[in-house]
């Protein structure tokens, strides 16, 4: 099945359902072919796909399956100083049946005249909230967030570890303060910007 010239998710879905109704569930080779019809030829966004069970499934809500995506998120001064109690969402949850893979990030301190203060307040990128699985290495804030000049720190993914479906399915990526207290001081002009790279996977479970 080729791409439709005028992309219409509903039309594509009807065509696939008709094919399944007439010929039965496609085999693995056919699934790979049919799934291409659900990818927008210009943007690459996935409207839907054929799952491993042969059923039509909705596509993710914030990107394309398998492709590398990037977002830049700015944290205000007040958000930086509340990261322990209120983690900042960097990438929204992709939808049921999808898992976000954290690839890496760059965090930029845009110094605005007053430095932040911290004692043992390191950061981490994790799933969902302040108790979710950590997917990044520890982000050391001493020598970074407490400086009086613009700074950046690269952030790598955590080492491999198994995760349950409950811990990873349809979970957002958030920035969290893992320390013993909130970050202090700073001013309205001193902010953090996070450039995050991620990938969406269709779990098939």
Protein backbone atom coordinates (compact mmCIF):
# COMPACT_ATOMS: atom_id res chain seq x y z
CA UNK A 1 0.00 0.00 0.00
CA UNK A 2 1.50 3.33 -1.04
CA UNK A 3 1.31 6.66 0.73
CA UNK A 4 -1.85 8.63 0.13
CA UNK A 5 -1.15 11.84 -1.79
CA UNK A 6 -3.49 13.78 0.50
CA UNK A 7 -2.78 12.37 3.91
CA UNK A 8 -5.98 11.54 5.78
CA UNK A 9 -5.60 9.37 8.90
CA UNK A 10 -9.26 8.34 8.89
CA UNK A 11 -9.05 7.28 5.25
CA UNK A 12 -5.89 5.30 5.87
CA UNK A 13 -7.43 3.61 8.92
CA UNK A 14 -10.55 2.61 6.97
CA UNK A 15 -8.43 1.18 4.17
CA UNK A 16 -6.38 -0.90 6.59
CA UNK A 17 -9.45 -2.16 8.44
CA UNK A 18 -11.01 -3.16 5.13
CA UNK A 19 -7.85 -5.04 4.22
CA UNK A 20 -7.83 -6.87 7.55
CA UNK A 21 -11.54 -7.65 7.29
CA UNK A 22 -11.13 -9.07 3.80
CA UNK A 23 -7.87 -10.97 4.11
CA UNK A 24 -7.33 -11.43 7.87
CA UNK A 25 -4.56 -10.09 10.03
CA UNK A 26 -1.37 -9.35 8.06
CA UNK A 27 1.84 -11.23 8.62
CA UNK A 28 5.02 -9.51 9.80
CA UNK A 29 6.13 -8.52 6.30
CA UNK A 30 2.72 -7.09 5.46
CA UNK A 31 2.61 -5.21 8.77
CA UNK A 32 5.86 -3.46 7.90
CA UNK A 33 4.44 -2.47 4.51
CA UNK A 34 1.05 -1.40 5.79
CA UNK A 35 2.51 0.61 8.64
CA UNK A 36 4.31 2.90 6.19
CA UNK A 37 0.94 4.09 4.93
CA UNK A 38 0.26 5.58 8.32
CA UNK A 39 3.30 7.84 8.32
CA UNK A 40 2.78 11.34 7.00
CA UNK A 41 5.04 11.65 3.91
CA UNK A 42 6.02 15.24 4.75
CA UNK A 43 6.28 15.39 8.54
CA UNK A 44 7.01 11.75 9.36
CA UNK A 45 4.41 11.82 12.13
CA UNK A 46 2.66 8.55 12.88
CA UNK A 47 -1.15 8.68 12.90
CA UNK A 48 -1.55 4.99 13.69
CA UNK A 49 0.17 1.65 13.21
CA UNK A 50 -0.54 -2.06 13.06
CA UNK A 51 0.44 -3.68 16.34
CA UNK A 52 2.01 -7.10 16.80
CA UNK A 53 -1.48 -8.45 17.38
CA UNK A 54 -2.58 -7.22 13.94
CA UNK A 55 -4.84 -4.56 15.38
CA UNK A 56 -4.87 -0.89 14.43
CA UNK A 57 -3.42 1.29 17.19
CA UNK A 58 -3.28 5.07 17.62
CA UNK A 59 0.07 6.73 17.08
CA UNK A 60 2.02 8.53 19.84
CA UNK A 61 1.01 12.03 20.82
CA UNK A 62 4.37 13.78 20.71
CA UNK A 63 6.51 12.47 17.85
CA UNK A 64 7.20 9.61 15.48
CA UNK A 65 7.96 6.03 16.44
CA UNK A 66 11.67 5.28 16.37
CA UNK A 67 12.88 8.71 15.24
CA UNK A 68 15.02 11.00 17.37
CA UNK A 69 13.11 14.04 18.62
CA UNK A 70 14.36 17.16 20.39
CA UNK A 71 12.69 19.76 22.61
CA UNK A 72 13.93 22.85 24.40
CA UNK A 73 12.21 23.56 27.71
CA UNK A 74 12.79 26.71 29.80
CA UNK A 75 12.45 26.61 33.58
CA UNK A 76 11.64 29.84 35.34
CA UNK A 77 13.40 30.85 38.54
CA UNK A 78 10.43 29.74 40.63
CA UNK A 79 10.28 26.37 38.84
CA UNK A 80 14.00 25.75 39.44
CA UNK A 81 13.52 26.46 43.15
CA UNK A 82 10.58 24.03 43.37
CA UNK A 83 12.04 21.04 41.50
CA UNK A 84 12.17 18.80 44.55
CA UNK A 85 8.47 19.14 45.29
CA UNK A 86 7.32 19.75 41.70
CA UNK A 87 9.42 18.10 38.97
CA UNK A 88 9.31 19.89 35.61
CA UNK A 89 7.88 17.97 32.66
CA UNK A 90 10.35 17.95 29.77
CA UNK A 91 8.56 15.51 27.44
CA UNK A 92 4.87 14.72 27.80
CA UNK A 93 3.66 11.14 28.18
CA UNK A 94 3.37 9.62 24.68
CA UNK A 95 0.20 7.57 25.13
CA UNK A 96 -0.62 4.03 26.24
CA UNK A 97 1.58 1.39 24.64
CA UNK A 98 4.51 3.76 24.07
CA UNK A 99 7.76 4.24 25.99
CA UNK A 100 10.03 7.28 25.90
CA UNK A 101 13.75 6.60 25.60
CA UNK A 102 15.94 9.34 27.07
CA UNK A 103 18.89 9.84 24.71
CA UNK A 104 20.65 12.78 26.28
CA UNK A 105 20.38 16.47 27.16
CA UNK A 106 22.23 19.73 27.52
CA UNK A 107 21.21 21.94 30.43
CA UNK A 108 22.05 25.63 30.13
CA UNK A 109 22.27 28.05 33.05
CA UNK A 110 21.32 31.51 31.77
CA UNK A 111 22.78 33.66 34.54
CA UNK A 112 20.76 36.76 35.26
CA UNK A 113 22.60 38.51 38.07
CA UNK A 114 21.95 36.40 41.18
CA UNK A 115 23.38 32.91 41.64
CA UNK A 116 21.38 29.94 42.89
CA UNK A 117 22.43 28.27 46.12
CA UNK A 118 22.45 24.55 46.90
CA UNK A 119 23.96 22.11 49.38
CA UNK A 120 23.33 18.56 48.21
CA UNK A 121 20.71 19.24 45.57
CA UNK A 122 21.65 17.25 42.50
CA UNK A 123 19.26 16.79 39.58
CA UNK A 124 18.09 13.81 37.53
CA UNK A 125 15.79 13.09 34.62
CA UNK A 126 13.26 10.42 35.46
CA UNK A 127 9.92 8.98 34.45
CA UNK A 128 6.62 10.51 35.55
CA UNK A 129 7.36 12.27 38.85
CA UNK A 130 9.66 12.54 41.83
CA UNK A 131 9.39 8.82 42.58
CA UNK A 132 9.70 7.49 39.02
CA UNK A 133 12.60 5.48 37.62
CA UNK A 134 15.71 7.58 36.96
CA UNK A 135 16.82 7.45 33.31
CA UNK A 136 19.79 9.86 33.38
CA UNK A 137 23.10 9.95 35.14
CA UNK A 138 23.26 12.12 38.25
CA UNK A 139 23.45 15.83 37.36
CA UNK A 140 25.92 17.48 39.73
CA UNK A 141 24.79 21.01 40.54
CA UNK A 142 27.84 22.13 42.54
CA UNK A 143 30.03 24.11 40.17
CA UNK A 144 27.15 24.47 37.75
CA UNK A 145 23.95 25.96 39.06
CA UNK A 146 25.71 28.02 41.76
CA UNK A 147 27.96 29.87 39.31
CA UNK A 148 27.82 33.57 38.44
CA UNK A 149 28.39 33.14 34.69
CA UNK A 150 26.49 31.31 31.97
CA UNK A 151 27.14 27.56 32.14
CA UNK A 152 26.15 24.33 30.46
CA UNK A 153 26.29 20.70 31.54
CA UNK A 154 25.86 17.68 29.24
CA UNK A 155 23.66 14.88 30.57
CA UNK A 156 23.99 11.26 29.49
CA UNK A 157 21.50 8.42 29.81
CA UNK A 158 21.75 6.12 32.81
CA UNK A 159 23.39 2.71 32.50
CA UNK A 160 21.13 -0.12 31.40
CA UNK A 161 18.61 -1.43 33.91
CA UNK A 162 15.39 -3.38 33.58
CA UNK A 163 12.09 -1.56 34.04
CA UNK A 164 8.57 -2.87 34.44
CA UNK A 165 5.74 -1.89 32.13
CA UNK A 166 4.16 -0.02 35.04
CA UNK A 167 7.31 2.05 35.50
CA UNK A 168 7.83 2.96 31.83
CA UNK A 169 4.64 2.73 29.77
CA UNK A 170 3.07 6.09 28.88
CA UNK A 171 5.34 7.99 31.25
CA UNK A 172 6.57 11.57 30.83
CA UNK A 173 10.21 12.57 31.22
CA UNK A 174 10.69 15.06 34.05
CA UNK A 175 13.55 16.99 35.64
CA UNK A 176 13.73 16.42 39.40
CA UNK A 177 15.80 17.70 42.29
CA UNK A 178 16.94 14.53 44.08
CA UNK A 179 18.58 16.37 46.97
CA UNK A 180 17.59 17.03 50.56
CA UNK A 181 16.06 20.46 49.97
CA UNK A 182 15.04 22.98 47.36
CA UNK A 183 17.52 25.11 45.42
CA UNK A 184 17.65 28.67 46.77
CA UNK A 185 18.30 32.28 45.77
CA UNK A 186 18.53 33.19 42.07
CA UNK A 187 16.31 35.86 40.52
CA UNK A 188 13.71 36.15 37.79
CA UNK A 189 16.38 36.67 35.14
CA UNK A 190 18.32 33.52 36.08
CA UNK A 191 16.77 30.50 34.36
CA UNK A 192 17.58 27.00 33.15
CA UNK A 193 17.04 25.76 29.60
CA UNK A 194 17.00 22.03 28.88
CA UNK A 195 17.60 20.78 25.35
CA UNK A 196 16.48 17.14 25.52
CA UNK A 197 16.76 14.40 22.91
CA UNK A 198 14.43 11.41 23.12
CA UNK A 199 12.95 8.57 21.09
CA UNK A 200 9.48 6.99 21.17
CA UNK A 201 9.11 3.21 21.08
CA UNK A 202 5.96 1.20 20.46
CA UNK A 203 6.20 -1.41 23.22
CA UNK A 204 3.90 -4.01 21.67
CA UNK A 205 2.69 -5.26 25.05
